[in-house]
Amino acid sequence: MSIWHMVYDEARLHRAYCLTKEASAGMDGETKEHYGENLVENLADLSARLKRGAYHARPVRRVYIPKPDGRQRPLGIPTLEDKLVQRATCEVLEAIYEVDFHEFSFGFRPGRNQHQALDTLALAIERRPMNWVLDADIRGFFDNIDHEWLMRFVEVRIKDKRVLRHIRKWLLAGVLEDGVVHAADYGTPQGGSISPLLANIYLHYAFDNWAILWQRRKARGHMQIVRYADDIVVCFQHREDAERFLAEMQERLGRFHLELNMEKTRLIEFGRRARQNRRDRGDRPPETFDFLGLTHCCGTLKKGRFAVVRRTARKKLRAKLAEIGKELRKRMHDPIPLVGKWLSQVLKGHYQYYGVPLNLTRLHTFRYQITRRWKSALARRSDKAKDNWERMSYLAKRYLPMPRLCHSYPSPRPGVIYPR
């Protein structure tokens, strides 16, 4: 069935333009503001080129962003027109693939978010007899996607050769770095609008379908999979199931040019019975694991009921505070009301994501550490700067909102997939 005409529809391209955020320009230097000065004419010309096959994908501009561990993550910045066409193509393909994707896949899908994945994981551990957790990490996933396998996966559902040709164009466009264009044999450029969807398609066929069949045919006990993009957590009732799944998962991913990072992949005893079992063996308390920025621990509520306690991951907390500290030094001489308004927005955004039950202590820590860094920045203004804690308490009370929980305990509500 032909679907390419849906992509070059001018109304869809206009919607893609409106949804595209103002960001750094690609290799052609075109910005959203400049492109929008003659938006109707530009979109009509783009639509005509797409219709007659005269549109050409351009190489992406490579930049690097720092990671919390000190390394740098490569990010590709496509040209503005590539962004528009990719977003329009993604919108058309999502309608097709949403029917196929499995319920345990949450990343980069319409109507799904991180907290649905977190709640599904917490409920699986709390309400089912789960005793082992496999925290799997795929080494350099986005950089190691095999183009030939990806195109074979896409061709299963998409038969329009024009769509296939343009996807291949984006994959082979290359990367511009230091004035030199490097050919791309593997991977999808992180930063492109269509890259998350292509990554989901790749893992749908390389992992998801296989994992579901493994669960139905080989698992002897309960099992729950939760995947957000390339972050995968699998819960098991029996250790034997977990060990066999891990071994076969390595073999399965290897067929598609992927491998697990065994330095970060961990199988830990975790769940309702883990604490007592480890105590009986004379072992230390259950280990913890990180998923989507939150550290998961075995804990109990006041009434003694087992609960998965989720706290802000220390690595994420330190990285965010270091970033805020650098920004405060840059804004050191800005008016206090402006800095206070900015810090207020930072805290509200932090609470919106990390405001989960049993995490208030870490939220208070975050607010206190921001207050300390703001006090230090104000003290650097001059030798006569007033940097006493009485003054900072007033500024914190005026500008820095107190922590609050923005999410309730995991419970049945629309949009969350719960294990049967």
Protein backbone atom coordinates (compact mmCIF):
# COMPACT_ATOMS: atom_id res chain seq x y z
CA MET A 1 0.00 0.00 0.00
CA SER A 2 1.25 3.48 -0.87
CA ILE A 3 1.70 5.77 2.14
CA TRP A 4 4.31 8.26 0.87
CA HIS A 5 1.61 10.74 -0.16
CA MET A 6 0.69 11.03 3.53
CA VAL A 7 4.22 12.18 4.29
CA TYR A 8 4.44 14.99 1.75
CA ASP A 9 0.99 16.32 2.62
CA GLU A 10 1.51 20.03 3.26
CA ALA A 11 -0.77 20.07 6.31
CA ARG A 12 1.29 17.29 7.91
CA LEU A 13 4.55 19.07 7.09
CA HIS A 14 3.14 22.27 8.62
CA ARG A 15 2.22 20.36 11.77
CA ALA A 16 5.74 18.92 11.87
CA TYR A 17 7.15 22.45 11.62
CA CYS A 18 4.99 23.64 14.53
CA LEU A 19 6.08 20.70 16.68
CA THR A 20 9.78 21.16 15.90
CA LYS A 21 11.58 23.04 18.65
CA GLU A 22 13.95 25.89 17.97
CA ALA A 23 17.39 24.25 18.14
CA SER A 24 20.87 24.37 16.67
CA ALA A 25 21.02 24.49 12.90
CA GLY A 26 22.21 21.55 10.84
CA MET A 27 25.04 21.60 8.34
CA ASP A 28 23.14 23.97 6.00
CA GLY A 29 22.80 26.63 8.72
CA GLU A 30 19.03 26.93 8.24
CA THR A 31 17.12 27.92 11.38
CA LYS A 32 13.43 27.50 12.17
CA GLU A 33 12.93 31.26 12.48
CA HIS A 34 14.45 32.00 9.07
CA TYR A 35 12.63 29.10 7.41
CA GLY A 36 9.35 30.34 8.84
CA GLU A 37 9.63 33.78 7.22
CA ASN A 38 8.38 32.20 3.97
CA LEU A 39 6.83 29.11 5.51
CA VAL A 40 4.01 28.52 3.02
CA GLU A 41 6.30 28.76 -0.01
CA ASN A 42 9.05 26.68 1.61
CA LEU A 43 6.67 23.87 2.62
CA ALA A 44 5.05 23.86 -0.83
CA ASP A 45 8.50 23.53 -2.43
CA LEU A 46 9.49 20.78 0.01
CA SER A 47 6.25 18.89 -0.68
CA ALA A 48 6.80 19.14 -4.44
CA ARG A 49 10.37 17.84 -4.16
CA LEU A 50 9.21 14.92 -2.01
CA LYS A 51 6.48 14.13 -4.53
CA ARG A 52 8.73 14.05 -7.59
CA GLY A 53 11.70 12.40 -5.83
CA ALA A 54 14.01 15.43 -5.87
CA TYR A 55 14.47 15.57 -2.09
CA HIS A 56 17.95 14.58 -0.85
CA ALA A 57 18.92 13.78 2.73
CA ARG A 58 21.86 15.78 4.08
CA PRO A 59 24.57 14.57 6.49
CA VAL A 60 23.95 15.33 10.15
CA ARG A 61 26.22 17.65 12.10
CA ARG A 62 27.94 15.81 14.95
CA VAL A 63 28.17 17.42 18.38
CA TYR A 64 28.98 15.92 21.76
CA ILE A 65 27.16 16.34 25.05
CA PRO A 66 28.72 15.39 28.41
CA LYS A 67 27.47 12.31 30.26
CA PRO A 68 27.30 12.00 34.08
CA ASP A 69 30.27 9.58 34.08
CA GLY A 70 32.53 12.11 32.35
CA ARG A 71 32.31 10.59 28.88
CA GLN A 72 30.67 12.31 25.92
CA ARG A 73 27.58 11.18 24.04
CA PRO A 74 27.55 11.81 20.27
CA LEU A 75 24.49 13.68 19.03
CA GLY A 76 23.54 14.23 15.41
CA ILE A 77 21.80 17.45 14.35
CA PRO A 78 19.91 17.04 11.04
CA THR A 79 19.02 19.93 8.78
CA LEU A 80 15.66 21.57 9.42
CA GLU A 81 14.01 20.04 6.34
CA ASP A 82 15.28 16.59 7.32
CA LYS A 83 13.70 17.12 10.74
CA LEU A 84 10.36 18.03 9.16
CA VAL A 85 10.29 15.09 6.77
CA GLN A 86 11.46 12.66 9.45
CA ARG A 87 8.80 13.87 11.88
CA ALA A 88 6.08 13.56 9.22
CA THR A 89 7.30 10.07 8.29
CA CYS A 90 7.43 9.09 11.95
CA GLU A 91 3.82 10.21 12.46
CA VAL A 92 2.66 8.00 9.57
CA LEU A 93 4.70 4.96 10.63
CA GLU A 94 3.69 5.21 14.30
CA ALA A 95 0.06 4.60 13.34
CA ILE A 96 1.16 1.33 11.72
CA TYR A 97 3.59 0.08 14.35
CA GLU A 98 1.57 0.95 17.45
CA VAL A 99 -0.59 -2.05 16.62
CA ASP A 100 2.46 -4.34 16.64
CA PHE A 101 4.51 -3.08 19.58
CA HIS A 102 4.20 -5.02 22.84
CA GLU A 103 2.66 -3.66 26.03
CA PHE A 104 5.93 -3.79 27.99
CA SER A 105 7.62 -1.34 25.59
CA PHE A 106 7.27 2.26 26.84
CA GLY A 107 10.03 4.35 25.26
CA PHE A 108 9.30 7.02 22.62
CA ARG A 109 5.71 5.93 22.06
CA PRO A 110 2.66 8.23 21.96
CA GLY A 111 0.68 8.22 25.20
CA ARG A 112 3.42 6.46 27.18
CA ASN A 113 6.07 7.79 29.54
CA GLN A 114 8.75 6.83 32.04
CA HIS A 115 6.45 6.74 35.05
CA GLN A 116 4.18 4.19 33.44
CA ALA A 117 7.24 1.97 32.99
CA LEU A 118 8.33 2.62 36.59
CA ASP A 119 4.88 1.83 37.98
CA THR A 120 4.59 -1.34 35.92
CA LEU A 121 7.95 -2.52 37.25
CA ALA A 122 7.08 -1.68 40.87
CA LEU A 123 3.74 -3.47 40.68
CA ALA A 124 5.31 -6.58 39.14
CA ILE A 125 7.77 -6.86 42.02
CA GLU A 126 5.28 -6.00 44.78
CA ARG A 127 2.27 -8.02 43.66
CA ARG A 128 3.82 -11.10 42.10
CA PRO A 129 6.34 -13.59 43.52
CA MET A 130 9.40 -12.01 41.92
CA ASN A 131 12.74 -12.84 43.52
CA TRP A 132 15.34 -11.92 40.88
CA VAL A 133 15.88 -8.84 38.72
CA LEU A 134 17.96 -8.71 35.56
CA ASP A 135 19.15 -5.16 34.83
CA ALA A 136 20.42 -5.39 31.24
CA ASP A 137 22.54 -2.79 29.47
CA ILE A 138 23.12 -2.95 25.70
CA ARG A 139 26.54 -1.59 24.77
CA GLY A 140 26.30 1.45 22.47
CA PHE A 141 22.89 0.44 21.15
CA PHE A 142 22.15 3.44 18.91
CA ASP A 143 25.66 3.29 17.40
CA ASN A 144 25.51 -0.42 16.58
CA ILE A 145 22.17 -0.83 14.82
CA ASP A 146 22.82 -2.87 11.69
CA HIS A 147 21.36 -1.07 8.66
CA GLU A 148 20.67 -4.21 6.66
CA TRP A 149 18.84 -5.90 9.51
CA LEU A 150 16.89 -2.70 10.22
CA MET A 151 15.73 -2.40 6.60
CA ARG A 152 14.69 -6.07 6.61
CA PHE A 153 12.66 -5.43 9.76
CA VAL A 154 10.99 -2.33 8.27
CA GLU A 155 10.16 -4.20 5.05
CA VAL A 156 8.06 -6.67 7.04
CA ARG A 157 5.32 -4.05 7.43
CA ILE A 158 6.19 -1.27 4.97
CA LYS A 159 5.93 -2.04 1.26
CA ASP A 160 6.04 1.49 -0.18
CA LYS A 161 9.45 1.65 -1.88
CA ARG A 162 9.60 5.45 -1.60
CA VAL A 163 9.35 5.25 2.19
CA LEU A 164 12.02 2.54 2.28
CA ARG A 165 14.28 4.55 -0.02
CA HIS A 166 14.10 7.65 2.16
CA ILE A 167 14.75 5.71 5.37
CA ARG A 168 17.84 4.25 3.75
CA LYS A 169 18.88 7.75 2.66
CA TRP A 170 18.77 8.98 6.26
CA LEU A 171 20.74 5.99 7.47
CA LEU A 172 23.45 6.42 4.82
CA ALA A 173 23.59 10.24 4.83
CA GLY A 174 26.70 10.20 7.01
CA VAL A 175 28.00 12.46 9.74
CA LEU A 176 29.73 15.83 9.35
CA GLU A 177 32.55 16.19 11.88
CA ASP A 178 35.44 18.66 11.70
CA GLY A 179 34.46 19.54 8.14
CA VAL A 180 34.66 15.93 6.94
CA VAL A 181 31.67 13.72 6.08
CA HIS A 182 32.05 10.18 7.43
CA ALA A 183 29.99 7.36 5.98
CA ALA A 184 27.71 5.58 8.46
CA ASP A 185 27.67 1.79 8.15
CA TYR A 186 26.01 1.20 11.51
CA GLY A 187 23.77 3.11 13.87
CA THR A 188 21.13 5.80 13.72
CA PRO A 189 22.13 9.40 14.54
CA GLN A 190 20.80 10.30 17.98
CA GLY A 191 18.96 13.56 17.46
CA GLY A 192 16.95 12.67 14.38
CA SER A 193 13.17 12.61 14.80
CA ILE A 194 12.85 9.16 13.29
CA SER A 195 15.74 7.53 15.17
CA PRO A 196 13.69 6.56 18.29
CA LEU A 197 11.04 4.85 16.15
CA LEU A 198 13.65 2.97 14.12
CA ALA A 199 15.31 1.89 17.38
CA ASN A 200 11.98 0.59 18.68
CA ILE A 201 11.37 -1.31 15.43
CA TYR A 202 14.84 -2.86 15.67
CA LEU A 203 14.38 -4.04 19.26
CA HIS A 204 10.81 -5.17 18.55
CA TYR A 205 12.11 -7.81 16.15
CA ALA A 206 15.55 -8.40 17.69
CA PHE A 207 14.40 -8.72 21.31
CA ASP A 208 10.71 -8.17 22.13
CA ASN A 209 9.17 -10.89 19.96
CA TRP A 210 11.82 -13.38 21.05
CA ALA A 211 11.41 -12.49 24.74
CA ILE A 212 7.64 -13.03 24.60
CA LEU A 213 8.08 -16.46 23.00
CA TRP A 214 10.76 -17.34 25.58
CA GLN A 215 8.40 -16.39 28.39
CA ARG A 216 5.57 -18.51 27.00
CA ARG A 217 7.62 -21.58 26.10
CA LYS A 218 10.56 -21.76 28.52
CA ALA A 219 9.84 -19.77 31.70
CA ARG A 220 8.93 -22.07 34.59
CA GLY A 221 7.78 -19.30 36.91
CA HIS A 222 6.46 -15.76 36.79
CA MET A 223 8.30 -13.29 34.59
CA GLN A 224 7.80 -9.60 33.74
CA ILE A 225 9.61 -7.53 31.10
CA VAL A 226 9.81 -3.72 31.16
CA ARG A 227 11.64 -1.90 28.38
CA TYR A 228 12.14 1.82 27.87
CA ALA A 229 14.11 2.25 24.62
CA ASP A 230 17.34 0.29 25.25
CA ASP A 231 16.90 0.20 29.06
CA ILE A 232 15.66 -3.31 29.87
CA VAL A 233 14.67 -4.78 33.23
CA VAL A 234 13.32 -8.33 33.51
CA CYS A 235 11.91 -9.80 36.75
CA PHE A 236 11.87 -13.53 37.50
CA GLN A 237 10.45 -15.83 40.12
CA HIS A 238 13.23 -18.42 39.75
CA ARG A 239 16.96 -17.88 39.47
CA GLU A 240 17.29 -20.71 36.94
CA ASP A 241 14.94 -18.89 34.57
CA ALA A 242 16.93 -15.67 34.95
CA GLU A 243 20.28 -17.31 34.24
CA ARG A 244 19.01 -19.18 31.19
CA PHE A 245 17.30 -16.05 29.86
CA LEU A 246 20.49 -14.00 30.28
CA ALA A 247 22.63 -16.57 28.46
CA GLU A 248 20.18 -16.91 25.58
CA MET A 249 19.62 -13.15 25.44
CA GLN A 250 23.34 -12.63 24.81
CA GLU A 251 23.22 -15.13 21.97
CA ARG A 252 20.05 -13.59 20.54
CA LEU A 253 21.36 -10.02 20.51
CA GLY A 254 24.66 -11.18 19.01
CA ARG A 255 22.80 -12.29 15.87
CA PHE A 256 21.85 -8.65 15.25
CA HIS A 257 25.23 -7.01 15.91
CA LEU A 258 24.35 -6.11 19.50
CA GLU A 259 25.97 -7.14 22.75
CA LEU A 260 25.33 -6.75 26.44
CA ASN A 261 27.72 -4.65 28.48
CA MET A 262 28.47 -7.26 31.13
CA GLU A 263 30.15 -4.66 33.34
CA LYS A 264 26.78 -2.94 33.77
CA THR A 265 24.42 -5.89 33.28
CA ARG A 266 23.54 -7.37 36.68
CA LEU A 267 21.39 -10.21 37.98
CA ILE A 268 20.47 -9.49 41.61
CA GLU A 269 18.28 -11.06 44.22
CA PHE A 270 15.46 -8.58 44.74
CA GLY A 271 11.88 -8.82 45.96
CA ARG A 272 9.61 -9.60 48.87
CA ARG A 273 11.60 -12.60 50.11
CA ALA A 274 15.08 -11.37 49.16
CA ARG A 275 15.85 -9.69 52.51
CA GLN A 276 14.88 -12.72 54.63
CA ASN A 277 16.58 -15.21 52.28
CA ARG A 278 19.83 -13.28 52.35
CA ARG A 279 19.64 -12.85 56.11
CA ASP A 280 19.19 -16.60 56.52
CA ARG A 281 22.29 -17.21 54.42
CA GLY A 282 24.30 -14.60 56.33
CA ASP A 283 24.55 -12.32 53.27
CA ARG A 284 24.30 -8.55 53.17
CA PRO A 285 20.93 -6.83 52.51
CA PRO A 286 19.59 -6.97 48.92
CA GLU A 287 21.42 -4.94 46.30
CA THR A 288 19.76 -2.03 44.54
CA PHE A 289 19.45 -1.21 40.85
CA ASP A 290 18.90 1.98 38.85
CA PHE A 291 16.19 2.37 36.23
CA LEU A 292 15.19 5.61 34.50
CA GLY A 293 17.06 7.80 36.98
CA LEU A 294 15.65 6.19 40.15
CA THR A 295 17.39 3.76 42.49
CA HIS A 296 15.11 0.84 43.42
CA CYS A 297 15.48 -0.66 46.91
CA CYS A 298 13.71 -3.33 48.94
CA GLY A 299 11.81 -1.60 51.75
CA THR A 300 8.75 -1.73 53.97
CA LEU A 301 5.92 0.68 54.70
CA LYS A 302 4.88 1.72 58.23
CA LYS A 303 2.39 -1.15 58.44
CA GLY A 304 5.13 -3.63 57.58
CA ARG A 305 4.04 -4.28 54.00
CA PHE A 306 6.83 -4.85 51.47
CA ALA A 307 7.34 -2.03 48.98
CA VAL A 308 9.74 -1.07 46.24
CA VAL A 309 11.37 2.13 47.50
CA ARG A 310 12.44 4.48 44.71
CA ARG A 311 14.92 7.28 45.33
CA THR A 312 16.73 9.73 43.09
CA ALA A 313 19.85 8.01 41.77
CA ARG A 314 22.97 9.51 43.36
CA LYS A 315 24.71 9.71 39.99
CA LYS A 316 21.85 11.74 38.53
CA LEU A 317 21.67 13.94 41.64
CA ARG A 318 25.40 14.76 41.60
CA ALA A 319 25.40 15.43 37.85
CA LYS A 320 22.43 17.81 38.09
CA LEU A 321 23.91 19.70 41.03
CA ALA A 322 27.24 20.07 39.22
CA GLU A 323 25.40 21.44 36.17
CA ILE A 324 23.44 23.92 38.31
CA GLY A 325 26.62 24.99 40.11
CA LYS A 326 28.30 25.87 36.79
CA GLU A 327 25.25 27.79 35.63
CA LEU A 328 25.04 29.72 38.91
CA ARG A 329 28.63 30.89 38.46
CA LYS A 330 27.71 32.17 34.99
CA ARG A 331 24.67 33.99 36.43
CA MET A 332 26.58 35.24 39.47
CA HIS A 333 26.01 38.93 38.70
CA ASP A 334 22.46 38.58 37.41
CA PRO A 335 19.68 40.17 39.50
CA ILE A 336 18.56 37.94 42.35
CA PRO A 337 14.90 37.82 41.22
CA LEU A 338 15.94 36.49 37.80
CA VAL A 339 18.17 33.80 39.27
CA GLY A 340 15.49 32.92 41.81
CA LYS A 341 12.88 32.52 39.07
CA TRP A 342 15.22 30.24 37.09
CA LEU A 343 16.00 28.10 40.15
CA SER A 344 12.29 27.86 40.90
CA GLN A 345 11.69 26.41 37.43
CA VAL A 346 14.55 23.96 37.89
CA LEU A 347 13.14 22.71 41.19
CA LYS A 348 9.59 22.39 39.85
CA GLY A 349 10.84 20.33 36.91
CA HIS A 350 12.87 18.14 39.28
CA TYR A 351 9.88 17.57 41.56
CA GLN A 352 7.68 16.79 38.56
CA TYR A 353 9.85 13.82 37.63
CA TYR A 354 11.37 12.67 40.92
CA GLY A 355 8.40 13.45 43.16
CA VAL A 356 7.51 9.80 43.75
CA PRO A 357 6.40 8.30 47.10
CA LEU A 358 9.16 7.69 49.68
CA ASN A 359 11.55 10.05 47.88
CA LEU A 360 10.92 13.24 49.89
CA THR A 361 14.29 13.01 51.66
CA ARG A 362 16.20 13.18 48.38
CA LEU A 363 14.00 16.07 47.22
CA HIS A 364 14.80 18.02 50.38
CA THR A 365 18.50 17.22 49.88
CA PHE A 366 18.33 18.57 46.32
CA ARG A 367 16.71 21.82 47.47
CA TYR A 368 19.20 22.26 50.32
CA GLN A 369 22.19 21.67 48.03
CA ILE A 370 20.86 24.23 45.54
CA THR A 371 20.51 26.73 48.41
CA ARG A 372 24.13 26.12 49.39
CA ARG A 373 25.38 26.61 45.84
CA TRP A 374 23.35 29.78 45.43
CA LYS A 375 24.79 31.10 48.70
CA SER A 376 28.31 30.32 47.46
CA ALA A 377 27.67 32.09 44.13
CA LEU A 378 26.34 35.20 45.89
CA ALA A 379 29.37 35.26 48.19
CA ARG A 380 31.65 35.48 45.15
CA ARG A 381 30.13 38.74 44.01
CA SER A 382 32.40 40.84 46.25
CA ASP A 383 34.20 40.78 49.56
CA LYS A 384 31.33 42.73 51.09
CA ALA A 385 28.61 40.43 49.82
CA LYS A 386 26.08 39.37 52.42
CA ASP A 387 26.22 35.60 52.46
CA ASN A 388 24.85 34.73 55.88
CA TRP A 389 22.36 31.92 56.33
CA GLU A 390 19.67 34.23 57.65
CA ARG A 391 19.56 36.01 54.33
CA MET A 392 19.72 32.72 52.38
CA SER A 393 16.83 31.31 54.37
CA TYR A 394 14.76 34.32 53.34
CA LEU A 395 15.74 33.94 49.66
CA ALA A 396 15.10 30.20 49.71
CA LYS A 397 11.70 30.68 51.31
CA ARG A 398 10.78 33.32 48.74
CA TYR A 399 12.09 31.72 45.55
CA LEU A 400 12.71 28.00 46.07
CA PRO A 401 9.49 25.93 46.29
CA MET A 402 9.33 23.21 48.91
CA PRO A 403 9.44 19.56 47.76
CA ARG A 404 6.17 17.89 46.91
CA LEU A 405 5.08 14.53 45.59
CA CYS A 406 3.69 14.67 42.06
CA HIS A 407 3.03 10.95 41.67
CA SER A 408 0.91 8.58 43.75
CA TYR A 409 1.66 5.02 44.77
CA PRO A 410 1.46 2.59 41.83
CA SER A 411 -2.19 1.61 41.55
CA PRO A 412 -4.56 0.68 38.72
CA ARG A 413 -5.20 3.71 36.56
CA PRO A 414 -5.48 4.32 32.79
CA GLY A 415 -2.28 4.23 30.77
CA VAL A 416 -0.31 1.90 33.04
CA ILE A 417 0.25 -1.69 31.98
CA TYR A 418 -0.07 -4.04 34.90
CA PRO A 419 1.11 -7.64 35.01
CA ARG A 420 -1.54 -10.31 34.94
